Amino acid sequence: MQWKNITNPEQVSEIQQQEGYSLIFKHSTRCSVSSMAKRRFEMDWSVIPENTRLYFLDLISYRAISAQIADTFQVQHESPQILVVKNGDCILDASHSDISAEEVAEVINNN
C-alpha cells in the first residue's frame, strides 16, 4: 500500500465524490506524537482492505486543506488524525493514540 499525497484543494472534493472507502491521514511533520502514530499505523496497515484509497496530508504545508477537510467531512480538526470516508461521508475519525489500522479495517469490513 502507498500514500497518495493531498496537495490540492480539489482532491478533497474528489475524495468526497468517490464511491467506496478512502482514508485520510492528517500528519504534523513537527510533532513527535504524530510521527509515532503514523509509524504505528503503517506497521499494521496490511490489515486494511487493498481497495481502500490511502491519502496523506502534511498539514503544516497545507493548513488550508486541513481546514477544508474538517469542514467538508464535519469533524473537528486534530493532529494527528485519520478519517475513513465511505461514499462521501466520514464514518470514522480518530486522533492521537486512538489511531489504529485494526479499527479502520474493522469499520471497513463491517460497514
C-alpha atoms as a PDB file:
ATOM      1  CA  MET A   1       0.000   0.000   0.000  1.00  0.00           C
ATOM      2  CA  GLN A   2       1.136   3.520  -0.617  1.00  0.00           C
ATOM      3  CA  TRP A   3       0.028   7.004   0.399  1.00  0.00           C
ATOM      4  CA  LYS A   4      -1.255   9.453  -2.173  1.00  0.00           C
ATOM      5  CA  ASN A   5      -0.331  12.981  -1.067  1.00  0.00           C
ATOM      6  CA  ILE A   6      -3.051  15.606  -0.835  1.00  0.00           C
ATOM      7  CA  THR A   7      -1.575  18.828  -2.164  1.00  0.00           C
ATOM      8  CA  ASN A   8      -4.531  20.405  -3.930  1.00  0.00           C
ATOM      9  CA  PRO A   9      -7.918  21.515  -2.530  1.00  0.00           C
ATOM     10  CA  GLU A  10      -9.710  19.854  -5.457  1.00  0.00           C
ATOM     11  CA  GLN A  11      -8.538  16.462  -4.180  1.00  0.00           C
ATOM     12  CA  VAL A  12     -10.796  16.848  -1.137  1.00  0.00           C
ATOM     13  CA  SER A  13     -13.826  17.225  -3.421  1.00  0.00           C
ATOM     14  CA  GLU A  14     -12.676  14.213  -5.431  1.00  0.00           C
ATOM     15  CA  ILE A  15     -12.410  12.122  -2.259  1.00  0.00           C
ATOM     16  CA  GLN A  16     -15.889  13.211  -1.216  1.00  0.00           C
ATOM     17  CA  GLN A  17     -17.321  12.169  -4.590  1.00  0.00           C
ATOM     18  CA  GLN A  18     -15.631   8.755  -4.761  1.00  0.00           C
ATOM     19  CA  GLU A  19     -17.509   5.550  -4.218  1.00  0.00           C
ATOM     20  CA  GLY A  20     -16.047   3.069  -1.766  1.00  0.00           C
ATOM     21  CA  TYR A  21     -13.574   3.685   1.028  1.00  0.00           C
ATOM     22  CA  SER A  22     -10.892   6.315   1.382  1.00  0.00           C
ATOM     23  CA  LEU A  23      -8.687   7.021   4.356  1.00  0.00           C
ATOM     24  CA  ILE A  24      -7.120  10.399   5.080  1.00  0.00           C
ATOM     25  CA  PHE A  25      -4.163  10.622   7.458  1.00  0.00           C
ATOM     26  CA  LYS A  26      -3.535  14.192   8.641  1.00  0.00           C
ATOM     27  CA  HIS A  27       0.038  14.441   9.887  1.00  0.00           C
ATOM     28  CA  SER A  28       2.049  17.190  11.537  1.00  0.00           C
ATOM     29  CA  THR A  29       5.661  16.880  10.431  1.00  0.00           C
ATOM     30  CA  ARG A  30       6.717  18.878  13.518  1.00  0.00           C
ATOM     31  CA  CYS A  31       5.084  16.636  16.106  1.00  0.00           C
ATOM     32  CA  SER A  32       6.679  13.531  17.578  1.00  0.00           C
ATOM     33  CA  VAL A  33       3.269  12.161  18.632  1.00  0.00           C
ATOM     34  CA  SER A  34       2.096  12.456  15.043  1.00  0.00           C
ATOM     35  CA  SER A  35       5.223  10.701  13.781  1.00  0.00           C
ATOM     36  CA  MET A  36       4.735   7.884  16.282  1.00  0.00           C
ATOM     37  CA  ALA A  37       1.051   7.462  15.324  1.00  0.00           C
ATOM     38  CA  LYS A  38       1.951   7.357  11.627  1.00  0.00           C
ATOM     39  CA  ARG A  39       4.719   4.824  12.176  1.00  0.00           C
ATOM     40  CA  ARG A  40       2.461   2.598  14.315  1.00  0.00           C
ATOM     41  CA  PHE A  41      -0.338   2.828  11.739  1.00  0.00           C
ATOM     42  CA  GLU A  42       1.968   1.947   8.841  1.00  0.00           C
ATOM     43  CA  MET A  43       3.365  -1.074  10.718  1.00  0.00           C
ATOM     44  CA  ASP A  44      -0.137  -2.583  10.814  1.00  0.00           C
ATOM     45  CA  TRP A  45      -1.744  -1.259   7.632  1.00  0.00           C
ATOM     46  CA  SER A  46      -1.581  -4.637   5.903  1.00  0.00           C
ATOM     47  CA  VAL A  47      -4.904  -5.409   7.670  1.00  0.00           C
ATOM     48  CA  ILE A  48      -6.679  -2.665   5.708  1.00  0.00           C
ATOM     49  CA  PRO A  49      -8.557  -3.939   2.631  1.00  0.00           C
ATOM     50  CA  GLU A  50      -6.487  -3.432  -0.527  1.00  0.00           C
ATOM     51  CA  ASN A  51      -9.136  -1.454  -2.390  1.00  0.00           C
ATOM     52  CA  THR A  52      -9.044   1.307   0.265  1.00  0.00           C
ATOM     53  CA  ARG A  53      -7.539   4.514  -1.110  1.00  0.00           C
ATOM     54  CA  LEU A  54      -4.951   5.970   1.285  1.00  0.00           C
ATOM     55  CA  TYR A  55      -4.379   9.724   1.364  1.00  0.00           C
ATOM     56  CA  PHE A  56      -1.754  11.620   3.320  1.00  0.00           C
ATOM     57  CA  LEU A  57      -1.877  15.302   4.256  1.00  0.00           C
ATOM     58  CA  ASP A  58       1.142  17.226   5.546  1.00  0.00           C
ATOM     59  CA  LEU A  59      -0.942  19.697   7.493  1.00  0.00           C
ATOM     60  CA  ILE A  60       1.988  22.002   8.211  1.00  0.00           C
ATOM     61  CA  SER A  61       2.463  22.621   4.490  1.00  0.00           C
ATOM     62  CA  TYR A  62      -1.255  22.553   3.665  1.00  0.00           C
ATOM     63  CA  ARG A  63      -3.096  24.121   6.605  1.00  0.00           C
ATOM     64  CA  ALA A  64      -5.922  25.455   4.434  1.00  0.00           C
ATOM     65  CA  ILE A  65      -6.581  21.972   3.042  1.00  0.00           C
ATOM     66  CA  SER A  66      -6.627  20.580   6.574  1.00  0.00           C
ATOM     67  CA  ALA A  67      -9.316  23.111   7.495  1.00  0.00           C
ATOM     68  CA  GLN A  68     -11.199  22.241   4.300  1.00  0.00           C
ATOM     69  CA  ILE A  69     -11.156  18.543   5.237  1.00  0.00           C
ATOM     70  CA  ALA A  70     -12.554  19.318   8.695  1.00  0.00           C
ATOM     71  CA  ASP A  71     -15.308  21.444   7.164  1.00  0.00           C
ATOM     72  CA  THR A  72     -16.133  19.070   4.311  1.00  0.00           C
ATOM     73  CA  PHE A  73     -16.397  15.976   6.491  1.00  0.00           C
ATOM     74  CA  GLN A  74     -17.792  17.806   9.554  1.00  0.00           C
ATOM     75  CA  VAL A  75     -15.122  16.744  12.018  1.00  0.00           C
ATOM     76  CA  GLN A  76     -13.105  18.738  14.496  1.00  0.00           C
ATOM     77  CA  HIS A  77      -9.542  19.349  13.307  1.00  0.00           C
ATOM     78  CA  GLU A  78      -6.990  17.332  15.245  1.00  0.00           C
ATOM     79  CA  SER A  79      -3.434  16.234  14.631  1.00  0.00           C
ATOM     80  CA  PRO A  80      -2.571  13.508  14.047  1.00  0.00           C
ATOM     81  CA  GLN A  81      -5.938  12.387  12.746  1.00  0.00           C
ATOM     82  CA  ILE A  82      -7.402   9.736  10.477  1.00  0.00           C
ATOM     83  CA  LEU A  83     -10.717   9.892   8.689  1.00  0.00           C
ATOM     84  CA  VAL A  84     -12.384   6.966   6.980  1.00  0.00           C
ATOM     85  CA  VAL A  85     -14.702   8.161   4.231  1.00  0.00           C
ATOM     86  CA  LYS A  86     -17.315   5.914   2.633  1.00  0.00           C
ATOM     87  CA  ASN A  87     -19.219   7.220  -0.385  1.00  0.00           C
ATOM     88  CA  GLY A  88     -18.536  10.812   0.659  1.00  0.00           C
ATOM     89  CA  ASP A  89     -19.382  10.522   4.346  1.00  0.00           C
ATOM     90  CA  CYS A  90     -16.902  10.320   7.207  1.00  0.00           C
ATOM     91  CA  ILE A  91     -17.731   7.122   9.087  1.00  0.00           C
ATOM     92  CA  LEU A  92     -14.742   7.182  11.451  1.00  0.00           C
ATOM     93  CA  ASP A  93     -12.379   9.808  12.739  1.00  0.00           C
ATOM     94  CA  ALA A  94      -9.719   9.166  15.316  1.00  0.00           C
ATOM     95  CA  SER A  95      -6.803  11.087  16.721  1.00  0.00           C
ATOM     96  CA  HIS A  96      -3.581  10.554  18.639  1.00  0.00           C
ATOM     97  CA  SER A  97      -3.396   7.159  20.381  1.00  0.00           C
ATOM     98  CA  ASP A  98      -6.853   6.196  19.089  1.00  0.00           C
ATOM     99  CA  ILE A  99      -5.437   5.849  15.558  1.00  0.00           C
ATOM    100  CA  SER A 100      -5.475   2.152  14.752  1.00  0.00           C
ATOM    101  CA  ALA A 101      -5.187   0.239  11.492  1.00  0.00           C
ATOM    102  CA  GLU A 102      -7.093  -2.623  13.123  1.00  0.00           C
ATOM    103  CA  GLU A 103     -10.024  -0.340  13.955  1.00  0.00           C
ATOM    104  CA  VAL A 104     -10.022   1.067  10.432  1.00  0.00           C
ATOM    105  CA  ALA A 105     -10.107  -2.462   8.993  1.00  0.00           C
ATOM    106  CA  GLU A 106     -12.910  -3.449  11.364  1.00  0.00           C
ATOM    107  CA  VAL A 107     -15.019  -0.418  10.407  1.00  0.00           C
ATOM    108  CA  ILE A 108     -14.476  -1.052   6.683  1.00  0.00           C
ATOM    109  CA  ASN A 109     -15.176  -4.774   6.930  1.00  0.00           C
ATOM    110  CA  ASN A 110     -18.366  -4.252   8.954  1.00  0.00           C
ATOM    111  CA  ASN A 111     -19.855  -1.339   7.026  1.00  0.00           C
END
